[in-house]
C-alpha atoms as a PDB file:
ATOM      1  CA  MET A   1     -23.355 -16.401  -2.468  1.00  0.00           C
ATOM      2  CA  ALA A   2     -19.576 -16.104  -2.499  1.00  0.00           C
ATOM      3  CA  GLU A   3     -18.183 -12.993  -4.145  1.00  0.00           C
ATOM      4  CA  THR A   4     -16.127 -13.504  -7.280  1.00  0.00           C
ATOM      5  CA  ILE A   5     -12.658 -12.138  -7.924  1.00  0.00           C
ATOM      6  CA  HIS A   6     -12.246  -9.814 -10.885  1.00  0.00           C
ATOM      7  CA  PRO A   7     -10.442 -11.607 -13.764  1.00  0.00           C
ATOM      8  CA  PHE A   8      -7.559  -9.105 -13.645  1.00  0.00           C
ATOM      9  CA  TYR A   9      -6.841  -9.945 -10.008  1.00  0.00           C
ATOM     10  CA  GLU A  10      -7.483 -13.642 -10.576  1.00  0.00           C
ATOM     11  CA  GLU A  11      -4.712 -13.557 -13.174  1.00  0.00           C
ATOM     12  CA  HIS A  12      -2.309 -12.214 -10.534  1.00  0.00           C
ATOM     13  CA  ARG A  13      -3.701 -14.181  -7.622  1.00  0.00           C
ATOM     14  CA  GLY A  14      -0.835 -16.664  -7.361  1.00  0.00           C
ATOM     15  CA  ALA A  15       1.780 -13.933  -7.060  1.00  0.00           C
ATOM     16  CA  MET A  16      -0.292 -11.991  -4.539  1.00  0.00           C
ATOM     17  CA  GLU A  17      -0.857 -15.058  -2.370  1.00  0.00           C
ATOM     18  CA  ALA A  18       2.861 -15.885  -2.484  1.00  0.00           C
ATOM     19  CA  ALA A  19       3.672 -12.344  -1.354  1.00  0.00           C
ATOM     20  CA  MET A  20       1.192 -12.663   1.499  1.00  0.00           C
ATOM     21  CA  ARG A  21       2.704 -15.940   2.677  1.00  0.00           C
ATOM     22  CA  GLN A  22       6.165 -14.387   2.591  1.00  0.00           C
ATOM     23  CA  ARG A  23       4.959 -11.456   4.704  1.00  0.00           C
ATOM     24  CA  LEU A  24       3.414 -13.778   7.236  1.00  0.00           C
ATOM     25  CA  ASP A  25       6.603 -15.822   7.467  1.00  0.00           C
ATOM     26  CA  LEU A  26       8.619 -12.639   7.987  1.00  0.00           C
ATOM     27  CA  ALA A  27       6.157 -11.465  10.638  1.00  0.00           C
ATOM     28  CA  GLU A  28       6.133 -14.741  12.557  1.00  0.00           C
ATOM     29  CA  GLY A  29       8.629 -13.661  15.201  1.00  0.00           C
ATOM     30  CA  MET A  30       6.633 -10.541  16.068  1.00  0.00           C
ATOM     31  CA  LEU A  31       3.363 -12.478  15.948  1.00  0.00           C
ATOM     32  CA  ARG A  32       4.692 -14.918  18.539  1.00  0.00           C
ATOM     33  CA  ALA A  33       5.482 -11.984  20.820  1.00  0.00           C
ATOM     34  CA  HIS A  34       1.908 -10.700  20.769  1.00  0.00           C
ATOM     35  CA  VAL A  35      -0.366 -13.728  20.412  1.00  0.00           C
ATOM     36  CA  ASP A  36      -0.342 -17.232  21.820  1.00  0.00           C
ATOM     37  CA  PRO A  37       2.651 -18.818  20.049  1.00  0.00           C
ATOM     38  CA  THR A  38       0.773 -22.090  19.693  1.00  0.00           C
ATOM     39  CA  GLY A  39      -1.887 -20.297  17.663  1.00  0.00           C
ATOM     40  CA  VAL A  40       0.367 -18.573  15.127  1.00  0.00           C
ATOM     41  CA  ALA A  41      -0.058 -21.246  12.459  1.00  0.00           C
ATOM     42  CA  GLY A  42      -3.832 -20.937  12.785  1.00  0.00           C
ATOM     43  CA  ILE A  43      -3.660 -17.151  12.542  1.00  0.00           C
ATOM     44  CA  LYS A  44      -1.603 -17.412   9.365  1.00  0.00           C
ATOM     45  CA  ARG A  45      -4.225 -19.703   7.835  1.00  0.00           C
ATOM     46  CA  GLU A  46      -6.960 -17.332   8.969  1.00  0.00           C
ATOM     47  CA  VAL A  47      -5.167 -14.416   7.297  1.00  0.00           C
ATOM     48  CA  MET A  48      -4.929 -16.305   4.015  1.00  0.00           C
ATOM     49  CA  ASP A  49      -8.650 -17.104   4.199  1.00  0.00           C
ATOM     50  CA  GLU A  50      -9.369 -13.428   4.881  1.00  0.00           C
ATOM     51  CA  PHE A  51      -7.149 -12.467   1.972  1.00  0.00           C
ATOM     52  CA  GLY A  52      -9.423 -14.487  -0.287  1.00  0.00           C
ATOM     53  CA  LEU A  53     -12.275 -12.269   0.873  1.00  0.00           C
ATOM     54  CA  VAL A  54     -10.210  -9.110   0.323  1.00  0.00           C
ATOM     55  CA  LEU A  55      -9.423 -10.264  -3.214  1.00  0.00           C
ATOM     56  CA  ALA A  56     -13.144 -10.567  -3.947  1.00  0.00           C
ATOM     57  CA  GLN A  57     -13.728  -7.104  -2.474  1.00  0.00           C
ATOM     58  CA  MET A  58     -10.818  -5.482  -4.334  1.00  0.00           C
ATOM     59  CA  PRO A  59     -12.179  -2.833  -6.722  1.00  0.00           C
ATOM     60  CA  TYR A  60     -11.208  -2.887 -10.376  1.00  0.00           C
ATOM     61  CA  VAL A  61      -9.722   0.468 -11.396  1.00  0.00           C
ATOM     62  CA  GLY A  62      -8.499  -0.207 -14.912  1.00  0.00           C
ATOM     63  CA  GLY A  63      -6.070  -3.086 -14.560  1.00  0.00           C
ATOM     64  CA  ALA A  64      -2.824  -2.686 -16.472  1.00  0.00           C
ATOM     65  CA  GLU A  65      -3.887   0.758 -17.727  1.00  0.00           C
ATOM     66  CA  SER A  66      -3.830   2.244 -14.222  1.00  0.00           C
ATOM     67  CA  ARG A  67      -0.801   2.528 -11.937  1.00  0.00           C
ATOM     68  CA  MET A  68      -3.123   2.319  -8.943  1.00  0.00           C
ATOM     69  CA  SER A  69      -4.008  -1.310  -9.685  1.00  0.00           C
ATOM     70  CA  ASP A  70      -0.506  -2.184  -8.494  1.00  0.00           C
ATOM     71  CA  PHE A  71      -1.075  -0.283  -5.244  1.00  0.00           C
ATOM     72  CA  PHE A  72      -4.211  -2.300  -4.554  1.00  0.00           C
ATOM     73  CA  MET A  73      -2.471  -5.580  -5.358  1.00  0.00           C
ATOM     74  CA  ARG A  74       0.572  -4.801  -3.210  1.00  0.00           C
ATOM     75  CA  LEU A  75      -1.089  -3.248  -0.181  1.00  0.00           C
ATOM     76  CA  LEU A  76      -4.699  -4.328   0.310  1.00  0.00           C
ATOM     77  CA  GLY A  77      -3.476  -7.669   1.608  1.00  0.00           C
ATOM     78  CA  PHE A  78      -2.470  -5.842   4.775  1.00  0.00           C
ATOM     79  CA  MET A  79      -6.170  -5.310   5.403  1.00  0.00           C
ATOM     80  CA  ALA A  80      -6.483  -9.081   5.785  1.00  0.00           C
ATOM     81  CA  ILE A  81      -3.646  -9.157   8.324  1.00  0.00           C
ATOM     82  CA  SER A  82      -5.143  -6.212  10.207  1.00  0.00           C
ATOM     83  CA  ARG A  83      -8.656  -7.660  10.293  1.00  0.00           C
ATOM     84  CA  VAL A  84      -7.507 -10.983  11.672  1.00  0.00           C
ATOM     85  CA  LEU A  85      -5.186  -9.516  14.300  1.00  0.00           C
ATOM     86  CA  ARG A  86      -7.892  -7.051  15.337  1.00  0.00           C
ATOM     87  CA  ARG A  87     -10.272  -9.983  15.868  1.00  0.00           C
ATOM     88  CA  HIS A  88      -7.627 -11.598  18.069  1.00  0.00           C
ATOM     89  CA  GLY A  89      -7.414  -8.495  20.254  1.00  0.00           C
ATOM     90  CA  VAL A  90      -4.041  -7.190  19.099  1.00  0.00           C
ATOM     91  CA  PRO A  91      -3.897  -3.377  19.592  1.00  0.00           C
ATOM     92  CA  LEU A  92      -3.941  -1.336  16.401  1.00  0.00           C
ATOM     93  CA  SER A  93      -0.575   0.247  17.187  1.00  0.00           C
ATOM     94  CA  VAL A  94       1.004  -3.188  17.539  1.00  0.00           C
ATOM     95  CA  ILE A  95      -0.630  -4.354  14.316  1.00  0.00           C
ATOM     96  CA  GLY A  96       0.964  -1.353  12.595  1.00  0.00           C
ATOM     97  CA  ASP A  97       4.398  -2.239  13.980  1.00  0.00           C
ATOM     98  CA  ILE A  98       4.075  -5.856  12.839  1.00  0.00           C
ATOM     99  CA  GLU A  99       2.990  -4.849   9.354  1.00  0.00           C
ATOM    100  CA  ARG A 100       5.686  -2.208   8.881  1.00  0.00           C
ATOM    101  CA  GLU A 101       8.475  -4.512  10.036  1.00  0.00           C
ATOM    102  CA  ALA A 102       7.250  -7.375   7.858  1.00  0.00           C
ATOM    103  CA  TYR A 103       6.822  -5.140   4.825  1.00  0.00           C
ATOM    104  CA  LYS A 104      10.250  -3.565   5.227  1.00  0.00           C
ATOM    105  CA  ALA A 105      11.833  -6.997   5.576  1.00  0.00           C
ATOM    106  CA  GLN A 106      10.012  -8.129   2.455  1.00  0.00           C
ATOM    107  CA  LEU A 107      11.142  -5.080   0.488  1.00  0.00           C
ATOM    108  CA  LEU A 108      14.740  -5.663   1.575  1.00  0.00           C
ATOM    109  CA  THR A 109      14.731  -9.162   0.079  1.00  0.00           C
ATOM    110  CA  VAL A 110      15.138  -7.377  -3.274  1.00  0.00           C
ATOM    111  CA  PRO A 111      18.842  -6.674  -4.004  1.00  0.00           C
ATOM    112  CA  GLU A 112      19.862  -3.117  -3.150  1.00  0.00           C
ATOM    113  CA  ALA A 113      21.092  -2.314  -6.658  1.00  0.00           C
ATOM    114  CA  GLU A 114      17.740  -3.351  -8.102  1.00  0.00           C
ATOM    115  CA  ARG A 115      15.839  -1.272  -5.551  1.00  0.00           C
ATOM    116  CA  LEU A 116      17.932   1.835  -6.205  1.00  0.00           C
ATOM    117  CA  VAL A 117      17.520   1.529  -9.967  1.00  0.00           C
ATOM    118  CA  ALA A 118      13.756   1.352  -9.415  1.00  0.00           C
ATOM    119  CA  GLY A 119      13.969   4.502  -7.290  1.00  0.00           C
ATOM    120  CA  GLU A 120      15.917   6.372  -9.958  1.00  0.00           C
ATOM    121  CA  GLN A 121      13.358   5.314 -12.534  1.00  0.00           C
ATOM    122  CA  PHE A 122      10.522   6.551 -10.309  1.00  0.00           C
ATOM    123  CA  LEU A 123      12.107  10.012 -10.029  1.00  0.00           C
ATOM    124  CA  SER A 124      13.066  10.175 -13.717  1.00  0.00           C
ATOM    125  CA  PRO A 125      11.642  12.732 -16.167  1.00  0.00           C
ATOM    126  CA  GLU A 126      10.112   9.852 -18.137  1.00  0.00           C
ATOM    127  CA  ASN A 127       8.157   8.615 -15.140  1.00  0.00           C
ATOM    128  CA  GLN A 128       7.118  12.141 -14.239  1.00  0.00           C
ATOM    129  CA  ALA A 129       5.598  12.477 -17.708  1.00  0.00           C
ATOM    130  CA  PHE A 130       3.771   9.192 -17.167  1.00  0.00           C
ATOM    131  CA  LEU A 131       2.469  10.360 -13.793  1.00  0.00           C
ATOM    132  CA  ARG A 132       1.165  13.595 -15.302  1.00  0.00           C
ATOM    133  CA  GLU A 133      -0.809  11.529 -17.813  1.00  0.00           C
ATOM    134  CA  GLN A 134      -2.118   9.184 -15.136  1.00  0.00           C
ATOM    135  CA  ALA A 135      -3.135  12.114 -12.917  1.00  0.00           C
ATOM    136  CA  ALA A 136      -5.094  13.672 -15.776  1.00  0.00           C
ATOM    137  CA  LYS A 137      -6.863  10.350 -16.411  1.00  0.00           C
ATOM    138  CA  SER A 138      -7.691   9.966 -12.719  1.00  0.00           C
ATOM    139  CA  ARG A 139      -9.652  13.201 -12.779  1.00  0.00           C
ATOM    140  CA  ASP A 140     -12.063  11.653 -15.285  1.00  0.00           C
ATOM    141  CA  GLU A 141     -13.186   9.411 -12.369  1.00  0.00           C
ATOM    142  CA  ARG A 142     -13.974   6.567 -14.736  1.00  0.00           C
ATOM    143  CA  PHE A 143     -13.842   4.092 -11.846  1.00  0.00           C
ATOM    144  CA  PRO A 144     -15.712   5.247  -8.706  1.00  0.00           C
ATOM    145  CA  GLU A 145     -13.471   3.318  -6.300  1.00  0.00           C
ATOM    146  CA  ASP A 146     -10.241   4.674  -7.782  1.00  0.00           C
ATOM    147  CA  PHE A 147      -7.824   7.344  -6.571  1.00  0.00           C
ATOM    148  CA  VAL A 148      -8.040  10.917  -7.869  1.00  0.00           C
ATOM    149  CA  TYR A 149      -4.869  12.973  -7.819  1.00  0.00           C
ATOM    150  CA  ASP A 150      -2.890  15.909  -9.181  1.00  0.00           C
ATOM    151  CA  PHE A 151       0.749  15.982 -10.221  1.00  0.00           C
ATOM    152  CA  VAL A 152       2.597  18.758  -8.353  1.00  0.00           C
ATOM    153  CA  GLU A 153       5.458  20.643  -9.981  1.00  0.00           C
ATOM    154  CA  PRO A 154       8.073  22.113  -7.612  1.00  0.00           C
ATOM    155  CA  GLY A 155       8.061  25.886  -7.271  1.00  0.00           C
ATOM    156  CA  PRO A 156      11.120  28.187  -7.129  1.00  0.00           C
ATOM    157  CA  GLY A 157      11.658  27.683  -3.398  1.00  0.00           C
ATOM    158  CA  ASP A 158      10.851  23.969  -3.249  1.00  0.00           C
ATOM    159  CA  ASP A 159      13.467  21.279  -2.660  1.00  0.00           C
ATOM    160  CA  PHE A 160      11.464  18.257  -3.821  1.00  0.00           C
ATOM    161  CA  THR A 161      11.657  16.622  -7.250  1.00  0.00           C
ATOM    162  CA  PHE A 162       7.892  16.412  -7.721  1.00  0.00           C
ATOM    163  CA  GLY A 163       4.763  15.762  -5.728  1.00  0.00           C
ATOM    164  CA  ILE A 164       1.356  14.129  -5.890  1.00  0.00           C
ATOM    165  CA  ASN A 165      -1.741  15.418  -4.134  1.00  0.00           C
ATOM    166  CA  TYR A 166      -4.224  12.593  -3.662  1.00  0.00           C
ATOM    167  CA  LYS A 167      -7.678  14.198  -3.520  1.00  0.00           C
ATOM    168  CA  ALA A 168      -9.562  10.899  -3.277  1.00  0.00           C
ATOM    169  CA  CYS A 169      -8.090   7.654  -1.940  1.00  0.00           C
ATOM    170  CA  GLY A 170      -9.063   4.184  -3.059  1.00  0.00           C
ATOM    171  CA  PHE A 171      -7.950   2.736   0.266  1.00  0.00           C
ATOM    172  CA  CYS A 172     -10.174   5.177   2.164  1.00  0.00           C
ATOM    173  CA  LYS A 173     -13.124   4.258  -0.044  1.00  0.00           C
ATOM    174  CA  PHE A 174     -12.433   0.553   0.465  1.00  0.00           C
ATOM    175  CA  ALA A 175     -12.148   0.946   4.238  1.00  0.00           C
ATOM    176  CA  ALA A 176     -15.345   2.994   4.482  1.00  0.00           C
ATOM    177  CA  ARG A 177     -17.244   0.417   2.448  1.00  0.00           C
ATOM    178  CA  HIS A 178     -16.071  -2.539   4.553  1.00  0.00           C
ATOM    179  CA  GLY A 179     -15.862  -1.100   8.075  1.00  0.00           C
ATOM    180  CA  ASP A 180     -12.078  -0.831   8.216  1.00  0.00           C
ATOM    181  CA  LYS A 181     -11.511   2.909   8.677  1.00  0.00           C
ATOM    182  CA  ASP A 182      -9.636   2.308  11.933  1.00  0.00           C
ATOM    183  CA  LEU A 183      -7.033   0.316   9.991  1.00  0.00           C
ATOM    184  CA  LEU A 184      -6.162   3.094   7.548  1.00  0.00           C
ATOM    185  CA  PRO A 185      -3.356   4.766   9.567  1.00  0.00           C
ATOM    186  CA  ASN A 186      -1.410   1.509   9.533  1.00  0.00           C
ATOM    187  CA  LEU A 187      -1.808   1.232   5.776  1.00  0.00           C
ATOM    188  CA  CYS A 188      -0.674   4.835   5.318  1.00  0.00           C
ATOM    189  CA  GLY A 189       2.368   4.123   7.478  1.00  0.00           C
ATOM    190  CA  LEU A 190       3.713   1.604   4.977  1.00  0.00           C
ATOM    191  CA  ASP A 191       4.476   4.300   2.406  1.00  0.00           C
ATOM    192  CA  PHE A 192       7.647   5.654   3.999  1.00  0.00           C
ATOM    193  CA  ASP A 193       9.596   2.380   3.951  1.00  0.00           C
ATOM    194  CA  ALA A 194       8.205   1.548   0.506  1.00  0.00           C
ATOM    195  CA  TYR A 195       9.955   4.601  -0.898  1.00  0.00           C
ATOM    196  CA  ALA A 196      12.994   4.729   1.417  1.00  0.00           C
ATOM    197  CA  THR A 197      14.088   1.213   0.461  1.00  0.00           C
ATOM    198  CA  ARG A 198      14.299   2.482  -3.132  1.00  0.00           C
ATOM    199  CA  GLY A 199      16.391   5.518  -2.196  1.00  0.00           C
ATOM    200  CA  ILE A 200      13.475   7.956  -2.222  1.00  0.00           C
ATOM    201  CA  HIS A 201      12.663  10.433   0.519  1.00  0.00           C
ATOM    202  CA  LEU A 202       8.930  10.864   1.076  1.00  0.00           C
ATOM    203  CA  GLU A 203       7.674  13.915   2.910  1.00  0.00           C
ATOM    204  CA  ARG A 204       3.994  13.948   3.813  1.00  0.00           C
ATOM    205  CA  THR A 205       2.361  16.244   6.314  1.00  0.00           C
ATOM    206  CA  GLN A 206      -1.294  15.204   6.030  1.00  0.00           C
ATOM    207  CA  THR A 207      -3.579  12.438   4.790  1.00  0.00           C
ATOM    208  CA  LEU A 208      -7.171  12.010   3.732  1.00  0.00           C
ATOM    209  CA  ALA A 209      -7.398   9.210   6.292  1.00  0.00           C
ATOM    210  CA  GLY A 210      -6.461  11.734   8.951  1.00  0.00           C
ATOM    211  CA  GLY A 211      -9.198  14.125   7.890  1.00  0.00           C
ATOM    212  CA  ALA A 212      -7.244  16.424   5.562  1.00  0.00           C
ATOM    213  CA  SER A 213      -8.490  17.661   2.199  1.00  0.00           C
ATOM    214  CA  HIS A 214      -5.754  15.681   0.409  1.00  0.00           C
ATOM    215  CA  CYS A 215      -2.613  13.619   0.955  1.00  0.00           C
ATOM    216  CA  ASP A 216       0.461  15.707   0.115  1.00  0.00           C
ATOM    217  CA  PHE A 217       3.184  13.374  -1.138  1.00  0.00           C
ATOM    218  CA  ARG A 218       6.519  15.063  -1.934  1.00  0.00           C
ATOM    219  CA  PHE A 219       9.369  13.019  -3.389  1.00  0.00           C
ATOM    220  CA  SER A 220      13.113  13.627  -3.593  1.00  0.00           C
ATOM    221  CA  PRO A 221      16.305  11.531  -3.588  1.00  0.00           C
ATOM    222  CA  LEU A 222      17.114  10.089  -0.175  1.00  0.00           C
ATOM    223  CA  ARG A 223      20.247  11.777   1.127  1.00  0.00           C
ATOM    224  CA  SER A 224      22.833   9.789   3.034  1.00  0.00           C
ATOM    225  CA  ALA A 225      23.139  10.649   6.707  1.00  0.00           C
END
């Protein structure tokens, strides 16, 4: 029996599928360099079919009440790309390069001024207050497949604006459940461009996917070279 998509994700399905198609179009040049160029159209269709499966597998973690729902909706689609390219024998390191380049290109389709305003909002005191609330809620572990995290205040000698320590990762749980743990480093690698394109510097020295006790995200304004 086919799995059903949660109503929250079904509501956003059109936008998510459009974003996936855009990524695949942006990745087409790199795809042609690593697979049979005559088969690229078929691979793109295969990815969209796989994305339908990912949508049905996507865990519900509170919908609009949880900031992590957006992370699932924006990033789990890369699991579909990774699964398909892995089946076609593309090395994991190459898959990571394709996904990062496509994602960065997609992020840069948003006007710079809009991206920088979003970055300022992310670092703002108002958003920090929101993140503290969300972190406290996450520790209730209402949804088993969700993230669990702490908000980190900077100490006297710290030069970051604030941090988040992810103590449990929804992507790691998803990957373990569906046999995709080898794909996690590529997913983790998307974070740096996601923040940099909004004018945010991300420092991270360890990840749960890499075997650490937590992921240590530290955020600050991106300084010009």
